[in-house]
Amino acid sequence: MASNLGQLYERKIRDLLRAKSILPLLLETNLEGNDAGFTHNGVSYFIEVKNRNAPDFGQKGLVWEKSTGKWKWRIHDVITDLYDQLGVIKKIDKKFVPNRYSVEPLHKLTSLQKKDDQQKFEKRIELKNLDVLYEFYARKRCYYIQIEGKGFYYLKQDIANLNVPRFKPELTLRLRAKSHSSSPTYNYSFFAVIQAKSSGILQSTFDLEEKVGAFPPIA
């Protein structure tokens, strides 16, 4: 449901930008993995769109190799490279052997073993440096973000010179074992994700929806 709500909000923002004739055809057909975009003084820019006051960013899956007894990223990309710079994998307890990858046959894994994995893997680490978030989006060529109920901000750089406030949330790195469904019991995976605290997000003076602020000065 959360992902569907997120997609609906992304579509709402794209429709809003399209109605104002600032969603260019180029971005209509090629958002390069971004949510929305706008044209300002003839130049196109991307926007990240979040429908929650406490959004998360850059969720990446982890797997445990029985042969080496070590964790690795499910897929390596520019985001896991950033996580490696933060030493994310090193923050996992080296003594932790996940039942999800050690119980055989897998269908015999119990709900108690699943809960044990979730409790032992769970960890929250406060991130003082916001550069990882800014760099995460800069590598996608995305420099602006719209958050429902909070407004519109710039990220690494106000590259379009809109004079909007910078997105400066309080960030937490979370390690979690996320359940995909209640059945089968083993249908869960391990993730690292960056989460923003709702209380740490100051409301912007600009808002694409014009509910909590003025529309950004996009020309």
Protein backbone atom coordinates (compact mmCIF):
# COMPACT_ATOMS: atom_id res chain seq x y z
CA MET A 1 0.00 0.00 0.00
CA ALA A 2 2.82 2.44 0.92
CA SER A 3 4.52 1.99 -2.47
CA ASN A 4 1.16 2.49 -4.25
CA LEU A 5 0.57 5.71 -2.32
CA GLY A 6 4.06 6.83 -3.25
CA GLN A 7 3.42 6.14 -6.93
CA LEU A 8 0.11 8.01 -6.77
CA TYR A 9 1.81 11.03 -5.25
CA GLU A 10 4.55 10.95 -7.89
CA ARG A 11 1.86 10.87 -10.59
CA LYS A 12 0.03 13.74 -8.89
CA ILE A 13 3.16 15.90 -8.91
CA ARG A 14 3.93 15.05 -12.54
CA ASP A 15 0.33 15.94 -13.48
CA LEU A 16 0.68 19.23 -11.61
CA LEU A 17 3.92 20.09 -13.42
CA ARG A 18 2.42 19.05 -16.75
CA ALA A 19 -0.59 21.31 -16.16
CA LYS A 20 1.79 24.22 -15.63
CA SER A 21 3.64 23.27 -18.86
CA ILE A 22 6.97 22.80 -17.08
CA LEU A 23 7.24 19.01 -17.32
CA PRO A 24 9.27 18.64 -20.54
CA LEU A 25 8.66 15.88 -23.06
CA LEU A 26 12.25 14.71 -22.58
CA LEU A 27 11.56 13.97 -18.91
CA GLU A 28 8.18 12.47 -19.74
CA THR A 29 9.95 9.70 -21.64
CA ASN A 30 13.26 9.45 -19.77
CA LEU A 31 13.39 10.29 -16.07
CA GLU A 32 16.58 8.21 -15.63
CA GLY A 33 15.20 6.57 -12.51
CA ASN A 34 13.93 9.82 -11.02
CA ASP A 35 10.34 10.65 -10.05
CA ALA A 36 9.61 13.92 -11.82
CA GLY A 37 11.23 16.97 -13.35
CA PHE A 38 10.78 20.53 -14.54
CA THR A 39 12.16 22.99 -17.06
CA HIS A 40 13.52 26.31 -15.81
CA ASN A 41 14.87 28.90 -18.25
CA GLY A 42 15.11 26.23 -20.93
CA VAL A 43 17.06 23.73 -18.81
CA SER A 44 15.62 20.45 -17.46
CA TYR A 45 16.04 19.31 -13.84
CA PHE A 46 14.98 16.21 -11.92
CA ILE A 47 12.91 16.07 -8.70
CA GLU A 48 12.68 13.36 -6.06
CA VAL A 49 9.10 13.01 -4.80
CA LYS A 50 8.17 11.58 -1.38
CA ASN A 51 4.64 11.14 -0.04
CA ARG A 52 5.67 10.78 3.60
CA ASN A 53 6.85 13.25 6.22
CA ALA A 54 9.47 10.72 7.34
CA PRO A 55 10.85 9.36 4.06
CA ASP A 56 13.53 6.76 3.50
CA PHE A 57 16.23 6.67 0.85
CA GLY A 58 18.46 4.22 -0.95
CA GLN A 59 17.21 0.86 0.35
CA LYS A 60 19.72 -1.85 -0.63
CA GLY A 61 19.55 -5.59 -0.07
CA LEU A 62 22.19 -7.69 1.71
CA VAL A 63 22.83 -11.44 1.52
CA TRP A 64 24.96 -13.71 3.71
CA GLU A 65 27.31 -16.22 2.11
CA LYS A 66 27.54 -19.49 3.97
CA SER A 67 30.83 -20.39 2.25
CA THR A 68 32.61 -17.28 3.55
CA GLY A 69 30.46 -16.40 6.56
CA LYS A 70 30.33 -12.82 5.27
CA TRP A 71 27.72 -10.32 4.12
CA LYS A 72 27.65 -8.78 0.68
CA TRP A 73 25.37 -6.52 -1.33
CA ARG A 74 22.71 -8.24 -3.41
CA ILE A 75 23.53 -5.88 -6.27
CA HIS A 76 26.52 -3.55 -6.43
CA ASP A 77 25.91 -0.02 -7.67
CA VAL A 78 26.84 3.60 -6.95
CA ILE A 79 24.66 3.59 -3.84
CA THR A 80 26.30 0.52 -2.29
CA ASP A 81 29.62 2.23 -3.04
CA LEU A 82 28.45 5.09 -0.83
CA TYR A 83 27.38 2.62 1.85
CA ASP A 84 30.82 1.02 1.70
CA GLN A 85 32.32 4.46 2.37
CA LEU A 86 30.14 4.56 5.50
CA GLY A 87 31.29 1.06 6.49
CA VAL A 88 27.71 -0.24 6.64
CA ILE A 89 28.56 -3.95 6.38
CA LYS A 90 31.14 -3.55 9.15
CA LYS A 91 28.35 -2.41 11.47
CA ILE A 92 26.70 -5.86 11.33
CA ASP A 93 27.65 -8.11 14.28
CA LYS A 94 30.33 -10.46 12.94
CA LYS A 95 29.08 -13.22 15.24
CA PHE A 96 25.57 -13.09 13.79
CA VAL A 97 24.77 -16.14 11.65
CA PRO A 98 21.33 -15.58 10.06
CA ASN A 99 18.87 -18.46 10.24
CA ARG A 100 17.54 -17.34 6.86
CA TYR A 101 20.76 -18.55 5.21
CA SER A 102 21.80 -21.37 7.54
CA VAL A 103 18.67 -23.43 8.30
CA GLU A 104 18.29 -26.40 5.93
CA PRO A 105 15.95 -27.23 4.38
CA LEU A 106 14.70 -23.65 4.26
CA HIS A 107 11.01 -24.52 4.54
CA LYS A 108 11.69 -25.77 8.10
CA LEU A 109 12.64 -22.28 9.28
CA THR A 110 10.34 -21.36 12.18
CA SER A 111 8.68 -18.06 13.08
CA LEU A 112 10.86 -17.92 16.20
CA GLN A 113 14.00 -18.23 14.07
CA LYS A 114 12.71 -15.49 11.80
CA LYS A 115 12.04 -13.23 14.79
CA ASP A 116 15.53 -14.01 16.10
CA ASP A 117 17.03 -12.83 12.80
CA GLN A 118 14.97 -9.65 12.87
CA GLN A 119 15.97 -8.79 16.42
CA LYS A 120 19.68 -9.52 15.98
CA PHE A 121 20.03 -7.74 12.64
CA GLU A 122 18.06 -4.63 13.64
CA LYS A 123 20.26 -1.61 14.26
CA ARG A 124 19.84 2.17 14.00
CA ILE A 125 22.82 4.47 13.65
CA GLU A 126 22.54 8.26 13.63
CA LEU A 127 24.24 9.87 10.64
CA LYS A 128 25.77 13.26 11.39
CA ASN A 129 27.01 13.86 7.84
CA LEU A 130 24.34 14.63 5.22
CA ASP A 131 26.79 14.34 2.33
CA VAL A 132 25.84 10.71 1.70
CA LEU A 133 22.23 11.75 1.05
CA TYR A 134 23.21 14.63 -1.22
CA GLU A 135 25.68 12.47 -3.12
CA PHE A 136 23.07 9.70 -3.45
CA TYR A 137 20.88 12.04 -5.49
CA ALA A 138 23.70 13.91 -7.23
CA ARG A 139 24.75 10.61 -8.79
CA LYS A 140 21.23 10.45 -10.27
CA ARG A 141 21.56 14.09 -11.43
CA CYS A 142 18.75 14.98 -9.04
CA TYR A 143 19.09 18.21 -7.04
CA TYR A 144 15.55 18.90 -5.78
CA ILE A 145 13.04 17.11 -3.57
CA GLN A 146 9.31 17.54 -2.89
CA ILE A 147 7.92 16.04 0.34
CA GLU A 148 4.18 15.90 0.88
CA GLY A 149 3.19 18.15 3.76
CA LYS A 150 6.68 19.64 4.08
CA GLY A 151 7.35 21.28 0.73
CA PHE A 152 10.09 21.78 -1.85
CA TYR A 153 13.86 21.89 -1.20
CA TYR A 154 17.21 21.63 -2.92
CA LEU A 155 19.66 18.82 -2.13
CA LYS A 156 23.40 18.97 -2.89
CA GLN A 157 23.18 22.20 -4.84
CA ASP A 158 20.53 24.75 -5.82
CA ILE A 159 21.65 24.18 -9.38
CA ALA A 160 18.74 26.15 -10.94
CA ASN A 161 19.23 29.11 -8.55
CA LEU A 162 15.64 28.97 -7.28
CA ASN A 163 16.56 30.27 -3.80
CA VAL A 164 14.58 27.53 -2.06
CA PRO A 165 15.74 26.13 1.32
CA ARG A 166 18.08 23.17 1.57
CA PHE A 167 16.80 19.78 2.70
CA LYS A 168 18.59 19.21 6.02
CA PRO A 169 16.89 16.33 7.87
CA GLU A 170 18.11 14.28 10.78
CA LEU A 171 19.22 10.98 9.28
CA THR A 172 19.41 7.44 10.65
CA LEU A 173 20.98 4.43 8.98
CA ARG A 174 18.78 1.44 9.66
CA LEU A 175 19.62 -2.24 9.27
CA ARG A 176 16.48 -4.36 9.15
CA ALA A 177 15.18 -7.82 8.24
CA LYS A 178 12.05 -6.96 6.29
CA SER A 179 9.20 -9.43 5.88
CA HIS A 180 7.69 -9.61 2.40
CA SER A 181 4.75 -11.78 3.47
CA SER A 182 3.68 -13.89 6.43
CA SER A 183 3.91 -17.09 4.40
CA PRO A 184 6.19 -18.80 3.77
CA THR A 185 8.05 -17.97 6.96
CA TYR A 186 11.37 -17.54 5.19
CA ASN A 187 10.03 -14.85 2.86
CA TYR A 188 12.06 -11.98 4.32
CA SER A 189 15.24 -10.18 3.34
CA PHE A 190 17.97 -8.06 4.89
CA PHE A 191 18.32 -4.37 4.02
CA ALA A 192 20.20 -1.20 4.76
CA VAL A 193 18.26 2.04 4.36
CA ILE A 194 18.63 5.70 5.26
CA GLN A 195 15.63 7.19 7.06
CA ALA A 196 14.79 10.81 7.85
CA LYS A 197 13.17 11.76 11.13
CA SER A 198 9.92 13.64 10.61
CA SER A 199 10.58 15.89 13.60
CA GLY A 200 13.93 16.84 12.09
CA ILE A 201 12.50 18.17 8.80
CA LEU A 202 11.81 21.90 8.90
CA GLN A 203 8.89 22.95 6.71
CA SER A 204 9.88 24.68 3.49
CA THR A 205 8.57 28.08 2.43
CA PHE A 206 7.95 26.60 -1.05
CA ASP A 207 5.66 23.77 -2.12
CA LEU A 208 4.76 22.38 -5.55
CA GLU A 209 1.23 21.78 -4.25
CA GLU A 210 1.08 25.28 -2.73
CA LYS A 211 -0.37 23.88 0.49
CA VAL A 212 2.41 24.76 2.95
CA GLY A 213 4.24 27.36 0.89
CA ALA A 214 4.41 29.29 -2.36
CA PHE A 215 5.10 27.64 -5.71
CA PRO A 216 8.86 27.72 -6.42
CA PRO A 217 9.99 30.53 -8.78
CA ILE A 218 10.30 28.23 -11.79
CA ALA A 219 10.36 30.23 -15.04
